[in-house]
Amino acid sequence: MELEDVTAPVCCAPLSTSDLGEAEAVELAGVFKALADPIRLRLLNMIASAEDGEACVCDLTVPFDLTAPTISHHLKVLRQAGLIDGERRGTWVYYRVIPERLTRLSGLFALPALATA
């Protein structure tokens, strides 16, 4: 199943405070499916924590005992989920996270403030 490209930033309320519509649930499920793989989680972490905010694909292949096409596939899944973007510079592609998407995901798990009496 090919994931839909969802790079347009969309704001959403935390899961604990609003009804989640079907379209948004389907879109978010695709993002979580992309994140449900340990290799992709590690790749996203490596890109997000890169010194200049971006990581060359040449550096992303080193820590894994995987072929370059396999790493490329995982990066493609992260791109299609709207979590990263890439730019070709000569032979290499440099990847960076899309901060709005990560902020959106983190906001989903915000708990409502408890009222104090």
C-alpha atoms as a PDB file:
ATOM      1  CA  MET A   1       0.000   0.000   0.000  1.00  0.00           C
ATOM      2  CA  GLU A   2       1.413   3.364  -1.044  1.00  0.00           C
ATOM      3  CA  LEU A   3       1.103   6.137   1.537  1.00  0.00           C
ATOM      4  CA  GLU A   4      -0.501   9.401   0.507  1.00  0.00           C
ATOM      5  CA  ASP A   5       1.792  12.432   0.425  1.00  0.00           C
ATOM      6  CA  VAL A   6       0.551  14.548   3.317  1.00  0.00           C
ATOM      7  CA  THR A   7       3.125  17.335   3.415  1.00  0.00           C
ATOM      8  CA  ALA A   8       0.577  20.146   3.708  1.00  0.00           C
ATOM      9  CA  PRO A   9       0.634  21.307   7.310  1.00  0.00           C
ATOM     10  CA  VAL A  10      -2.721  20.692   8.933  1.00  0.00           C
ATOM     11  CA  CYS A  11      -3.538  21.632  12.477  1.00  0.00           C
ATOM     12  CA  CYS A  12      -5.409  19.234  14.652  1.00  0.00           C
ATOM     13  CA  ALA A  13      -6.640  19.124  18.211  1.00  0.00           C
ATOM     14  CA  PRO A  14      -5.268  16.666  20.765  1.00  0.00           C
ATOM     15  CA  LEU A  15      -6.822  13.215  20.673  1.00  0.00           C
ATOM     16  CA  SER A  16      -8.175  13.751  24.176  1.00  0.00           C
ATOM     17  CA  THR A  17     -10.258  16.834  23.323  1.00  0.00           C
ATOM     18  CA  SER A  18     -11.978  16.375  19.980  1.00  0.00           C
ATOM     19  CA  ASP A  19     -13.664  13.909  17.722  1.00  0.00           C
ATOM     20  CA  LEU A  20     -11.257  12.500  15.187  1.00  0.00           C
ATOM     21  CA  GLY A  21     -12.780  12.488  11.725  1.00  0.00           C
ATOM     22  CA  GLU A  22     -12.425   9.494   9.431  1.00  0.00           C
ATOM     23  CA  ALA A  23     -10.193  11.248   6.883  1.00  0.00           C
ATOM     24  CA  GLU A  24      -7.850  12.526   9.580  1.00  0.00           C
ATOM     25  CA  ALA A  25      -7.755   9.105  11.252  1.00  0.00           C
ATOM     26  CA  VAL A  26      -6.791   7.457   7.952  1.00  0.00           C
ATOM     27  CA  GLU A  27      -4.092  10.055   7.312  1.00  0.00           C
ATOM     28  CA  LEU A  28      -2.666   9.755  10.830  1.00  0.00           C
ATOM     29  CA  ALA A  29      -2.736   5.964  10.670  1.00  0.00           C
ATOM     30  CA  GLY A  30      -0.515   6.180   7.573  1.00  0.00           C
ATOM     31  CA  VAL A  31       1.948   8.385   9.448  1.00  0.00           C
ATOM     32  CA  PHE A  32       1.996   6.050  12.442  1.00  0.00           C
ATOM     33  CA  LYS A  33       2.426   3.070  10.120  1.00  0.00           C
ATOM     34  CA  ALA A  34       5.493   4.788   8.656  1.00  0.00           C
ATOM     35  CA  LEU A  35       6.845   5.282  12.182  1.00  0.00           C
ATOM     36  CA  ALA A  36       6.075   1.715  13.264  1.00  0.00           C
ATOM     37  CA  ASP A  37       9.354   0.407  11.866  1.00  0.00           C
ATOM     38  CA  PRO A  38      12.539   0.530  13.980  1.00  0.00           C
ATOM     39  CA  ILE A  39      14.739   1.378  10.978  1.00  0.00           C
ATOM     40  CA  ARG A  40      12.529   4.321  10.029  1.00  0.00           C
ATOM     41  CA  LEU A  41      12.413   5.528  13.630  1.00  0.00           C
ATOM     42  CA  ARG A  42      16.209   5.467  13.770  1.00  0.00           C
ATOM     43  CA  LEU A  43      16.486   7.242  10.414  1.00  0.00           C
ATOM     44  CA  LEU A  44      14.067   9.947  11.551  1.00  0.00           C
ATOM     45  CA  ASN A  45      16.050  10.347  14.770  1.00  0.00           C
ATOM     46  CA  MET A  46      19.330  10.610  12.863  1.00  0.00           C
ATOM     47  CA  ILE A  47      17.907  13.248  10.539  1.00  0.00           C
ATOM     48  CA  ALA A  48      16.231  15.234  13.339  1.00  0.00           C
ATOM     49  CA  SER A  49      19.406  15.251  15.435  1.00  0.00           C
ATOM     50  CA  ALA A  50      21.819  16.048  12.585  1.00  0.00           C
ATOM     51  CA  GLU A  51      24.181  18.903  13.350  1.00  0.00           C
ATOM     52  CA  ASP A  52      23.009  21.295  10.621  1.00  0.00           C
ATOM     53  CA  GLY A  53      19.405  20.117  10.671  1.00  0.00           C
ATOM     54  CA  GLU A  54      19.936  17.870   7.674  1.00  0.00           C
ATOM     55  CA  ALA A  55      21.658  14.596   6.967  1.00  0.00           C
ATOM     56  CA  CYS A  56      23.251  13.255   3.803  1.00  0.00           C
ATOM     57  CA  VAL A  57      22.013   9.879   2.650  1.00  0.00           C
ATOM     58  CA  CYS A  58      25.676   8.878   2.516  1.00  0.00           C
ATOM     59  CA  ASP A  59      25.782   9.183   6.328  1.00  0.00           C
ATOM     60  CA  LEU A  60      22.412   7.499   6.889  1.00  0.00           C
ATOM     61  CA  THR A  61      23.479   4.178   5.380  1.00  0.00           C
ATOM     62  CA  VAL A  62      26.567   3.658   7.574  1.00  0.00           C
ATOM     63  CA  PRO A  63      24.908   2.556  10.863  1.00  0.00           C
ATOM     64  CA  PHE A  64      22.761  -0.111   9.210  1.00  0.00           C
ATOM     65  CA  ASP A  65      23.577  -3.522   7.824  1.00  0.00           C
ATOM     66  CA  LEU A  66      21.217  -2.873   4.917  1.00  0.00           C
ATOM     67  CA  THR A  67      21.634  -2.185   1.221  1.00  0.00           C
ATOM     68  CA  ALA A  68      21.366   1.363  -0.126  1.00  0.00           C
ATOM     69  CA  PRO A  69      18.100   0.540  -1.958  1.00  0.00           C
ATOM     70  CA  THR A  70      16.564  -0.668   1.308  1.00  0.00           C
ATOM     71  CA  ILE A  71      17.555   2.551   3.093  1.00  0.00           C
ATOM     72  CA  SER A  72      16.164   4.515   0.136  1.00  0.00           C
ATOM     73  CA  HIS A  73      12.864   2.657   0.485  1.00  0.00           C
ATOM     74  CA  HIS A  74      12.616   3.556   4.183  1.00  0.00           C
ATOM     75  CA  LEU A  75      13.414   7.199   3.411  1.00  0.00           C
ATOM     76  CA  LYS A  76      10.750   7.201   0.704  1.00  0.00           C
ATOM     77  CA  VAL A  77       8.155   5.952   3.198  1.00  0.00           C
ATOM     78  CA  LEU A  78       9.103   8.742   5.624  1.00  0.00           C
ATOM     79  CA  ARG A  79       8.838  11.288   2.792  1.00  0.00           C
ATOM     80  CA  GLN A  80       5.461  10.016   1.659  1.00  0.00           C
ATOM     81  CA  ALA A  81       4.220  10.265   5.240  1.00  0.00           C
ATOM     82  CA  GLY A  82       5.235  13.921   5.198  1.00  0.00           C
ATOM     83  CA  LEU A  83       7.803  13.589   7.989  1.00  0.00           C
ATOM     84  CA  ILE A  84      10.944  14.450   6.011  1.00  0.00           C
ATOM     85  CA  ASP A  85      11.918  16.271   2.862  1.00  0.00           C
ATOM     86  CA  GLY A  86      14.995  15.892   0.708  1.00  0.00           C
ATOM     87  CA  GLU A  87      17.109  17.922  -1.673  1.00  0.00           C
ATOM     88  CA  ARG A  88      19.480  16.512  -4.264  1.00  0.00           C
ATOM     89  CA  ARG A  89      22.914  18.114  -4.342  1.00  0.00           C
ATOM     90  CA  GLY A  90      25.099  16.530  -6.949  1.00  0.00           C
ATOM     91  CA  THR A  91      25.262  12.797  -6.280  1.00  0.00           C
ATOM     92  CA  TRP A  92      23.762  12.896  -2.793  1.00  0.00           C
ATOM     93  CA  VAL A  93      20.362  13.670  -1.295  1.00  0.00           C
ATOM     94  CA  TYR A  94      20.204  15.639   1.947  1.00  0.00           C
ATOM     95  CA  TYR A  95      17.224  15.030   4.223  1.00  0.00           C
ATOM     96  CA  ARG A  96      15.650  17.218   6.892  1.00  0.00           C
ATOM     97  CA  VAL A  97      12.604  16.794   9.099  1.00  0.00           C
ATOM     98  CA  ILE A  98       9.474  18.842   8.544  1.00  0.00           C
ATOM     99  CA  PRO A  99       9.134  20.481  11.971  1.00  0.00           C
ATOM    100  CA  GLU A 100       5.431  21.303  11.597  1.00  0.00           C
ATOM    101  CA  ARG A 101       4.628  17.631  11.095  1.00  0.00           C
ATOM    102  CA  LEU A 102       6.539  16.521  14.178  1.00  0.00           C
ATOM    103  CA  THR A 103       4.968  19.312  16.224  1.00  0.00           C
ATOM    104  CA  ARG A 104       1.552  18.243  14.997  1.00  0.00           C
ATOM    105  CA  LEU A 105       2.184  14.647  16.022  1.00  0.00           C
ATOM    106  CA  SER A 106       3.428  15.643  19.454  1.00  0.00           C
ATOM    107  CA  GLY A 107       0.349  17.841  19.926  1.00  0.00           C
ATOM    108  CA  LEU A 108      -1.931  14.857  19.405  1.00  0.00           C
ATOM    109  CA  PHE A 109      -0.870  13.445  22.750  1.00  0.00           C
ATOM    110  CA  ALA A 110      -1.328  16.614  24.790  1.00  0.00           C
ATOM    111  CA  LEU A 111      -3.532  16.036  27.804  1.00  0.00           C
ATOM    112  CA  PRO A 112      -6.153  18.608  28.700  1.00  0.00           C
ATOM    113  CA  ALA A 113      -5.265  20.811  31.659  1.00  0.00           C
ATOM    114  CA  LEU A 114      -6.875  19.601  34.831  1.00  0.00           C
ATOM    115  CA  ALA A 115      -8.911  22.231  36.605  1.00  0.00           C
ATOM    116  CA  THR A 116      -7.879  22.845  40.187  1.00  0.00           C
ATOM    117  CA  ALA A 117     -10.371  23.979  42.767  1.00  0.00           C
END
